Protein backbone atom coordinates (compact mmCIF):
# COMPACT_ATOMS: atom_id res chain seq x y z
CA MET A 1 10.07 1.28 -29.18
CA SER A 2 7.92 0.30 -32.30
CA GLY A 3 7.36 -3.11 -30.63
CA ALA A 4 6.14 -1.62 -27.52
CA SER A 5 3.74 0.90 -29.41
CA GLY A 6 2.57 -2.14 -31.34
CA THR A 7 1.71 -4.03 -28.07
CA ILE A 8 -0.26 -1.04 -26.92
CA ARG A 9 -2.10 -0.64 -30.23
CA ALA A 10 -2.87 -4.35 -30.20
CA ALA A 11 -4.14 -4.11 -26.60
CA PHE A 12 -7.07 -1.96 -27.60
CA ARG A 13 -8.02 -4.02 -30.83
CA GLN A 14 -10.20 -6.60 -29.13
CA PRO A 15 -13.32 -8.70 -29.60
CA LYS A 16 -16.42 -7.54 -27.77
CA SER A 17 -16.30 -10.47 -25.30
CA VAL A 18 -12.86 -9.38 -24.28
CA TRP A 19 -14.10 -5.81 -23.75
CA ALA A 20 -16.97 -7.17 -21.58
CA VAL A 21 -14.53 -8.86 -19.35
CA ALA A 22 -12.23 -5.80 -19.30
CA PHE A 23 -15.19 -3.44 -18.36
CA ALA A 24 -16.14 -5.85 -15.46
CA SER A 25 -12.54 -5.92 -14.40
CA VAL A 26 -12.49 -2.12 -14.10
CA ILE A 27 -15.50 -2.39 -11.87
CA ALA A 28 -13.94 -5.23 -9.92
CA PHE A 29 -10.83 -3.21 -9.21
CA MET A 30 -12.78 -0.17 -8.17
CA GLY A 31 -13.62 -2.23 -5.17
CA ILE A 32 -9.96 -2.15 -3.95
CA GLY A 33 -9.81 1.62 -3.48
CA LEU A 34 -13.53 2.45 -3.22
CA VAL A 35 -13.45 2.42 0.59
CA ASP A 36 -10.24 4.54 0.77
CA PRO A 37 -11.71 8.02 1.05
CA ILE A 38 -14.64 6.98 3.36
CA LEU A 39 -12.30 5.30 5.95
CA PRO A 40 -12.11 8.42 8.20
CA ALA A 41 -16.01 8.89 7.57
CA ILE A 42 -16.76 5.36 8.73
CA ALA A 43 -14.46 5.70 11.69
CA GLU A 44 -16.43 8.78 12.85
CA SER A 45 -19.94 7.68 11.78
CA LEU A 46 -19.68 4.21 13.44
CA GLU A 47 -17.23 5.27 16.23
CA ALA A 48 -14.52 2.83 15.19
CA THR A 49 -10.74 2.99 15.60
CA PRO A 50 -8.40 3.43 12.57
CA THR A 51 -7.40 -0.17 13.25
CA GLU A 52 -10.94 -1.48 12.89
CA THR A 53 -11.67 0.52 9.75
CA GLU A 54 -8.42 -0.66 8.24
CA MET A 55 -9.86 -4.17 8.75
CA LEU A 56 -12.20 -3.37 5.86
CA PHE A 57 -9.11 -3.83 3.66
CA THR A 58 -7.82 -6.83 5.60
CA SER A 59 -10.89 -8.96 5.49
CA TYR A 60 -11.44 -8.34 1.71
CA LEU A 61 -7.87 -9.09 0.89
CA LEU A 62 -7.37 -11.90 3.18
CA VAL A 63 -10.31 -13.71 1.68
CA THR A 64 -9.39 -12.89 -1.71
CA GLY A 65 -5.91 -14.30 -1.31
CA LEU A 66 -7.17 -17.49 0.29
CA ALA A 67 -9.92 -18.07 -2.25
CA MET A 68 -7.45 -17.62 -5.16
CA LEU A 69 -6.14 -21.01 -4.21
CA VAL A 70 -9.27 -22.74 -5.46
CA THR A 71 -10.44 -20.43 -8.25
CA SER A 72 -8.57 -22.36 -10.92
CA TRP A 73 -10.01 -25.54 -9.48
CA VAL A 74 -13.49 -24.08 -9.75
CA SER A 75 -13.19 -22.40 -13.23
CA SER A 76 -11.72 -25.58 -14.82
CA ARG A 77 -14.84 -27.47 -13.86
CA ILE A 78 -17.67 -25.07 -14.41
CA GLY A 79 -16.08 -22.80 -17.06
CA ALA A 80 -14.65 -19.21 -17.00
CA ARG A 81 -18.11 -17.73 -17.87
CA ARG A 82 -19.89 -19.18 -15.01
CA THR A 83 -17.04 -18.50 -12.56
CA LEU A 84 -17.03 -14.84 -13.59
CA LEU A 85 -20.84 -14.54 -13.35
CA ILE A 86 -20.84 -16.15 -9.71
CA GLY A 87 -18.05 -13.89 -8.70
CA LEU A 88 -19.97 -10.78 -9.82
CA ALA A 89 -23.12 -11.93 -8.28
CA ILE A 90 -21.47 -12.53 -5.03
CA ILE A 91 -19.98 -9.21 -5.12
CA VAL A 92 -23.48 -7.51 -5.77
CA VAL A 93 -25.03 -9.17 -2.71
CA PHE A 94 -22.16 -8.28 -0.26
CA ALA A 95 -21.60 -4.78 -1.48
CA THR A 96 -25.41 -4.17 -1.05
CA ALA A 97 -25.22 -5.75 2.56
CA ALA A 98 -22.22 -3.69 3.36
CA GLY A 99 -24.09 -0.48 2.54
CA LEU A 100 -27.18 -1.51 4.75
CA SER A 101 -24.85 -2.37 7.69
CA GLY A 102 -25.22 -0.51 10.95
CA ASN A 103 -21.68 -1.23 12.60
CA VAL A 104 -18.17 -1.70 11.58
CA GLU A 105 -18.06 -5.38 12.49
CA SER A 106 -20.88 -6.18 10.00
CA ILE A 107 -18.99 -4.17 7.24
CA ILE A 108 -15.83 -6.19 7.82
CA GLY A 109 -17.72 -9.32 7.54
CA PHE A 110 -19.40 -8.39 4.34
CA ARG A 111 -16.12 -7.13 2.93
CA ALA A 112 -14.85 -10.69 3.52
CA GLY A 113 -17.81 -12.06 1.40
CA TRP A 114 -16.96 -9.50 -1.21
CA GLY A 115 -13.50 -10.76 -1.42
CA LEU A 116 -14.73 -14.33 -2.20
CA GLY A 117 -16.46 -12.88 -5.24
CA ASN A 118 -13.44 -10.85 -6.14
CA ALA A 119 -11.17 -13.78 -6.06
CA LEU A 120 -13.60 -15.86 -8.28
CA PHE A 121 -13.57 -12.87 -10.83
CA ILE A 122 -10.18 -11.46 -10.81
CA SER A 123 -8.01 -14.46 -11.55
CA THR A 124 -10.52 -15.90 -14.09
CA ALA A 125 -10.70 -12.64 -15.78
CA LEU A 126 -6.92 -12.51 -16.44
CA ALA A 127 -6.90 -15.92 -17.73
CA THR A 128 -9.86 -15.16 -19.96
CA ILE A 129 -8.53 -12.02 -21.32
CA VAL A 130 -5.06 -13.58 -22.10
CA GLY A 131 -6.81 -16.53 -23.69
CA ALA A 132 -9.40 -14.71 -25.78
CA ALA A 133 -7.57 -11.39 -26.67
CA SER A 134 -6.15 -10.79 -30.04
CA GLY A 135 -2.62 -9.34 -30.36
CA GLY A 136 -0.80 -11.83 -28.29
CA ARG A 137 -0.17 -12.29 -24.56
CA GLY A 138 1.81 -9.01 -24.20
CA ALA A 139 -1.25 -6.87 -25.61
CA ALA A 140 -3.67 -8.94 -23.34
CA ILE A 141 -1.67 -8.09 -20.07
CA VAL A 142 -1.51 -4.43 -21.19
CA LEU A 143 -5.35 -4.47 -21.54
CA TYR A 144 -5.78 -6.15 -18.14
CA GLU A 145 -3.38 -3.84 -16.41
CA ALA A 146 -5.21 -0.83 -18.13
CA ALA A 147 -8.43 -2.21 -16.59
CA LEU A 148 -6.67 -2.50 -13.10
CA GLY A 149 -5.20 0.98 -13.35
CA LEU A 150 -8.37 2.48 -14.48
CA GLY A 151 -10.45 0.73 -11.92
CA ILE A 152 -8.04 1.63 -9.09
CA ALA A 153 -8.18 5.30 -10.30
CA ILE A 154 -12.02 5.57 -10.57
CA GLY A 155 -12.67 3.75 -7.34
CA PRO A 156 -11.35 6.44 -4.93
CA LEU A 157 -12.96 9.09 -7.05
CA LEU A 158 -16.31 7.39 -7.02
CA GLY A 159 -15.86 6.71 -3.32
CA GLY A 160 -15.19 10.35 -2.69
CA LEU A 161 -18.21 11.50 -4.71
CA LEU A 162 -20.70 9.21 -3.39
CA GLY A 163 -19.15 9.14 0.05
CA HIS A 164 -19.69 13.00 0.18
CA LEU A 165 -23.48 12.25 0.39
CA SER A 166 -23.15 9.26 2.62
CA TRP A 167 -20.41 6.54 3.54
CA ARG A 168 -23.09 4.05 2.35
CA GLY A 169 -23.10 5.55 -1.13
CA PRO A 170 -19.90 3.81 -2.57
CA PHE A 171 -21.21 0.35 -1.54
CA PHE A 172 -24.51 0.75 -3.23
CA GLY A 173 -22.82 2.38 -6.19
CA THR A 174 -20.49 -0.69 -6.53
CA ALA A 175 -23.29 -3.12 -6.37
CA ALA A 176 -25.15 -1.22 -9.21
CA LEU A 177 -22.02 -1.07 -11.46
CA MET A 178 -21.30 -4.80 -10.80
CA ALA A 179 -24.82 -5.65 -11.77
CA ILE A 180 -24.11 -3.81 -15.18
CA GLY A 181 -20.91 -5.92 -15.51
CA PHE A 182 -22.87 -8.96 -14.94
CA ILE A 183 -25.27 -8.05 -17.78
CA ALA A 184 -22.45 -7.19 -20.06
CA ILE A 185 -20.67 -10.71 -19.60
CA VAL A 186 -24.13 -12.42 -20.01
CA VAL A 187 -24.60 -10.70 -23.36
CA LEU A 188 -21.22 -10.43 -24.81
CA LEU A 189 -19.46 -13.47 -23.39
CA ARG A 190 -21.30 -16.26 -24.92
CA ASP A 191 -18.56 -18.88 -25.17
CA ASP A 192 -15.82 -20.08 -22.69
CA GLY A 193 -13.61 -21.20 -25.48
CA PRO A 194 -11.73 -24.34 -25.22
CA ARG A 195 -12.30 -25.92 -21.76
CA PRO A 196 -8.89 -26.66 -19.83
CA GLU A 197 -8.18 -29.95 -18.22
CA PRO A 198 -9.76 -29.92 -14.84
CA THR A 199 -6.95 -28.86 -12.24
CA LYS A 200 -6.38 -30.45 -8.98
CA LEU A 201 -7.35 -28.50 -5.78
CA SER A 202 -3.54 -28.57 -4.86
CA ALA A 203 -2.44 -27.23 -8.07
CA PRO A 204 -1.71 -23.61 -6.95
CA ILE A 205 0.08 -24.70 -3.86
CA ARG A 206 2.31 -27.12 -6.00
CA ALA A 207 2.63 -24.41 -8.67
CA LEU A 208 4.54 -22.21 -5.79
CA ARG A 209 7.28 -24.84 -5.62
CA GLN A 210 8.43 -23.90 -8.97
CA PRO A 211 11.26 -21.66 -8.16
CA ALA A 212 10.49 -18.78 -10.56
CA LEU A 213 6.86 -18.54 -9.54
CA GLY A 214 7.88 -18.89 -5.72
CA VAL A 215 10.43 -16.13 -6.27
CA LEU A 216 7.77 -13.84 -7.78
CA ALA A 217 5.17 -14.56 -5.19
CA ALA A 218 7.49 -14.03 -2.47
CA ALA A 219 8.73 -10.63 -3.77
CA ALA A 220 4.95 -9.65 -4.48
CA LEU A 221 4.03 -10.30 -0.88
CA PHE A 222 6.58 -7.88 0.48
CA TYR A 223 5.91 -5.38 -2.40
CA ASN A 224 2.25 -5.26 -1.65
CA ILE A 225 2.92 -4.24 1.74
CA GLY A 226 4.26 -0.91 0.44
CA PHE A 227 1.32 -0.85 -2.02
CA PHE A 228 -1.32 -0.97 0.48
CA VAL A 229 0.43 1.16 3.17
CA LEU A 230 0.50 3.89 0.59
CA LEU A 231 -3.29 3.31 -0.42
CA ALA A 232 -4.88 2.30 2.80
CA TYR A 233 -3.05 4.12 5.56
CA SER A 234 -2.55 7.52 3.79
CA PRO A 235 -5.96 8.81 4.18
CA PHE A 236 -5.42 9.07 7.90
CA PRO A 237 -2.32 11.26 8.06
CA LEU A 238 -3.63 13.49 5.10
CA GLY A 239 -6.51 14.64 7.23
CA PHE A 240 -8.59 15.61 4.10
CA ASP A 241 -12.41 15.38 3.73
CA VAL A 242 -13.99 12.74 1.56
CA LEU A 243 -13.84 14.53 -1.60
CA GLY A 244 -10.19 15.64 -1.08
CA LEU A 245 -9.13 12.06 -0.47
CA GLY A 246 -11.17 11.06 -3.48
CA PHE A 247 -9.42 13.40 -5.76
CA THR A 248 -5.85 12.68 -4.29
CA PHE A 249 -6.27 8.90 -4.92
CA PHE A 250 -7.69 9.59 -8.32
CA GLY A 251 -4.44 11.15 -9.23
CA TRP A 252 -2.58 8.18 -7.71
CA GLY A 253 -4.60 5.82 -9.82
CA ILE A 254 -4.34 7.85 -12.94
CA GLY A 255 -0.66 7.82 -12.44
CA LEU A 256 -0.72 4.03 -12.04
CA ALA A 257 -2.67 3.67 -15.12
CA ILE A 258 -0.60 5.83 -17.40
CA THR A 259 2.64 4.02 -16.45
CA SER A 260 1.13 0.53 -16.57
CA VAL A 261 -0.07 0.95 -20.05
CA PHE A 262 2.50 3.18 -21.73
CA VAL A 263 5.65 3.22 -19.77
CA ALA A 264 6.06 -0.42 -18.63
CA PRO A 265 5.99 -1.89 -22.25
CA LEU A 266 8.50 0.80 -23.22
CA LEU A 267 10.81 -0.23 -20.42
CA THR A 268 10.49 -3.94 -21.01
CA ARG A 269 11.37 -3.24 -24.60
CA TRP A 270 14.58 -1.42 -23.63
CA MET A 271 15.79 -3.84 -20.83
CA PRO A 272 15.04 -7.13 -19.16
CA ARG A 273 12.08 -7.40 -17.06
CA THR A 274 14.26 -8.38 -13.98
CA ARG A 275 16.32 -5.13 -14.48
CA VAL A 276 13.11 -3.08 -14.63
CA LEU A 277 12.19 -4.48 -11.19
CA GLN A 278 15.57 -3.80 -9.73
CA ILE A 279 15.17 -0.22 -10.74
CA ALA A 280 11.56 0.46 -9.81
CA LEU A 281 11.55 -1.23 -6.36
CA PRO A 282 14.19 0.98 -4.92
CA LEU A 283 12.41 3.96 -6.40
CA LEU A 284 9.31 2.94 -4.57
CA ALA A 285 11.13 2.43 -1.25
CA VAL A 286 12.60 6.01 -1.74
CA ASP A 287 9.11 7.29 -2.29
CA LEU A 288 7.87 5.72 0.90
CA LEU A 289 10.85 7.07 2.94
CA ALA A 290 9.94 10.60 1.60
CA ALA A 291 6.28 10.00 2.65
CA GLY A 292 7.51 9.24 6.15
CA LEU A 293 9.83 12.29 6.23
CA PHE A 294 7.10 14.65 4.98
CA ILE A 295 4.21 13.31 6.70
CA ASP A 296 3.35 16.62 8.27
CA ASP A 297 3.22 18.53 5.07
CA ALA A 298 -0.01 17.58 3.19
CA ALA A 299 1.02 18.84 -0.15
CA ALA A 300 4.32 17.07 -0.07
CA LEU A 301 2.47 13.80 1.13
CA VAL A 302 0.07 14.08 -1.99
CA VAL A 303 3.09 14.35 -4.22
CA CYS A 304 4.64 11.21 -2.66
CA ILE A 305 1.40 9.39 -3.11
CA VAL A 306 1.07 10.42 -6.84
CA VAL A 307 4.58 9.61 -7.68
CA GLY A 308 4.11 6.21 -5.75
CA GLY A 309 1.17 5.61 -8.13
CA LEU A 310 3.52 6.15 -11.21
CA VAL A 311 6.18 3.61 -9.94
CA LEU A 312 3.42 1.02 -8.95
CA GLY A 313 2.07 1.07 -12.44
CA VAL A 314 5.30 -0.16 -13.87
CA LEU A 315 5.80 -2.71 -11.13
CA ASN A 316 2.21 -4.12 -11.46
CA THR A 317 2.47 -4.72 -15.16
CA VAL A 318 6.11 -6.05 -15.20
CA LEU A 319 5.32 -8.55 -12.33
CA THR A 320 2.16 -9.74 -14.13
CA GLU A 321 4.15 -10.26 -17.31
CA CYS A 322 6.85 -12.21 -15.32
CA VAL A 323 4.10 -14.43 -13.81
CA MET A 324 2.68 -15.29 -17.16
CA GLU A 325 6.16 -16.14 -18.67
CA ALA A 326 7.63 -17.77 -15.49
CA THR A 327 6.32 -21.43 -16.01
CA ASP A 328 4.41 -23.64 -18.45
CA LEU A 329 1.43 -23.98 -16.16
CA GLN A 330 -2.08 -23.14 -17.09
CA ARG A 331 -2.55 -19.42 -16.82
CA SER A 332 -5.37 -19.65 -14.33
CA VAL A 333 -3.14 -21.83 -12.18
CA ALA A 334 -0.21 -19.48 -12.25
CA SER A 335 -2.34 -16.49 -11.79
CA SER A 336 -4.11 -18.01 -8.77
CA ALA A 337 -0.97 -19.05 -7.06
CA TYR A 338 0.85 -15.87 -7.44
CA SER A 339 -2.19 -13.77 -6.50
CA SER A 340 -3.09 -15.58 -3.39
CA VAL A 341 0.33 -14.80 -1.95
CA ARG A 342 0.35 -11.25 -3.13
CA PHE A 343 -3.03 -10.40 -1.54
CA LEU A 344 -1.99 -11.87 1.63
CA GLY A 345 0.70 -9.13 1.76
CA GLY A 346 -1.91 -6.43 1.24
CA ALA A 347 -4.15 -7.95 3.95
CA ILE A 348 -1.31 -7.53 6.46
CA ALA A 349 -0.25 -4.05 5.75
CA PRO A 350 -3.49 -1.84 6.57
CA PRO A 351 -3.98 -2.89 10.28
CA ALA A 352 -0.30 -3.15 10.99
CA ALA A 353 0.08 0.30 9.53
CA ALA A 354 -2.52 1.58 11.96
CA GLU A 355 -0.94 -0.13 14.93
CA LEU A 356 2.61 1.03 14.19
CA ALA A 357 1.38 4.75 13.88
CA HIS A 358 -0.41 4.42 17.25
CA LEU A 359 2.46 2.56 19.04
CA ILE A 360 5.65 4.38 17.58
CA ALA A 361 4.80 7.37 15.33
CA PRO A 362 2.51 8.37 12.43
CA SER A 363 5.68 8.08 10.08
CA ALA A 364 6.52 4.60 11.20
CA PRO A 365 4.13 2.73 8.69
CA TYR A 366 5.97 4.38 5.69
CA TYR A 367 9.44 3.55 7.04
CA ALA A 368 8.32 -0.05 7.57
CA ALA A 369 6.81 -0.19 4.08
CA ALA A 370 10.01 1.00 2.66
CA GLY A 371 11.80 -1.85 4.30
CA ALA A 372 9.30 -4.35 3.02
CA VAL A 373 9.96 -3.12 -0.68
CA LEU A 374 13.64 -3.56 -0.18
CA VAL A 375 13.09 -7.17 1.03
CA ALA A 376 11.32 -7.65 -2.17
CA LEU A 377 14.13 -6.27 -4.09
CA VAL A 378 16.59 -8.60 -2.19
CA ILE A 379 14.34 -11.52 -3.14
CA ILE A 380 14.37 -10.55 -6.81
CA VAL A 381 18.01 -10.16 -6.99
CA ILE A 382 18.84 -13.38 -5.10
CA GLY A 383 16.33 -15.21 -7.19
CA ARG A 384 17.58 -13.85 -10.59
CA ARG A 385 18.93 -17.18 -11.99
CA ALA A 386 15.29 -18.61 -11.34
CA LEU A 387 13.89 -15.69 -13.24
CA ALA A 388 16.05 -16.04 -16.24
CA ARG A 389 13.14 -17.32 -18.39
CA VAL A 390 11.02 -14.13 -17.75
CA ASN A 391 13.54 -11.95 -19.58
CA GLY A 392 12.90 -13.57 -23.07
CA PRO A 393 11.92 -13.93 -25.82
CA ASP A 394 10.76 -10.44 -26.07
CA LEU A 395 6.96 -10.34 -26.39
CA GLY A 396 6.73 -6.95 -28.05
CA ALA A 397 7.81 -7.90 -31.62
CA GLN A 398 5.88 -10.93 -31.34
CA ALA A 399 2.68 -9.11 -30.28
CA GLU A 400 2.99 -6.68 -32.98
CA ALA A 401 3.35 -9.22 -35.68
CA GLU A 402 0.29 -11.10 -34.47
CA ALA A 403 -1.53 -7.78 -34.20
CA LEU A 404 -0.66 -6.95 -37.96
CA SER A 405 -1.69 -10.45 -38.99
CA VAL A 406 -5.00 -9.97 -37.33
CA ALA A 407 -5.37 -6.64 -39.01
CA ASP A 408 -4.65 -8.13 -42.30
CA ALA A 409 -7.14 -10.98 -41.88
CA THR A 410 -9.83 -8.44 -41.09
């Protein structure tokens, strides 16, 4: 347990440049859940169907996933700092354009552009934080996942508060915050650090041929179906207003943040990472089944959503750790390859869920999501030999030792 607590302490003892990237990461991840509370409002205001509004997630995640395949190629040539800044600038432009739109088709298109900026930023941010953070790789991943959890938690809350005024508010709010993140990186991240060897355009595709990374990416594709059914579809059966949805998914995100930062390191200290995955994935499947069974009880569905967030926090952190340990590839290449497949799973889920609800029953998306999560579990179990490397050596004690060395040096 001391190793896990050392990793957590080290995660928050970082240079200003790392904090600048982490702050911008919080804002970038806010974009994932920002539109969640305003989906019903957009559907009503712009006379769009649930499937059309779910495409706000799909266009964003599809472009994010595909663009991930080229982000390592871009960043290895122009540097991490420039890549981060270009990504943030693109998000500012397209978030503003989405807020100015007059129909759902335009917003879907501008969310796609937003996804391009998000791809450039997210994969580069992970590699930058891992490369520049003090306290070792384990501490860096905890900090990154803390930024992810905080961003995902604040996104729906901000979306609900601003969306209560107008459905356009969350888009303008994100643009303003991204501009602040842009300034923070300009001021605080002055140096890229050692420039890696330029990577080939095909590097992420070839990376997926490595058994361990291929297994993790395939599992993440199906796991993300469960993730985004819970996030993107749930606003419709809940039937809450914008503020109600904002606070519901704020609770979901807070749960995700807490377990990603505090619980996941403890679990991986006690047991192998693959075993944590084999425990957490069935728990998520059970939670999704419960959501389907209790879909007509709003209070019970809120409990399922928040509990789902707790499990998702563990899975996010452990999967990210596994990806960083799975191969000897450059971190940016491994991150890009894994994330490209992962986000494609998220892109499929929202409109598919809306169609299943329309064609079969409102509970059907949750049952399908539970099945997808169990497929992810089967992939992890079958591929456990390929994943042997991700279970050791333990990063907790190493991170704590490195953190103490840094503290002694300062």
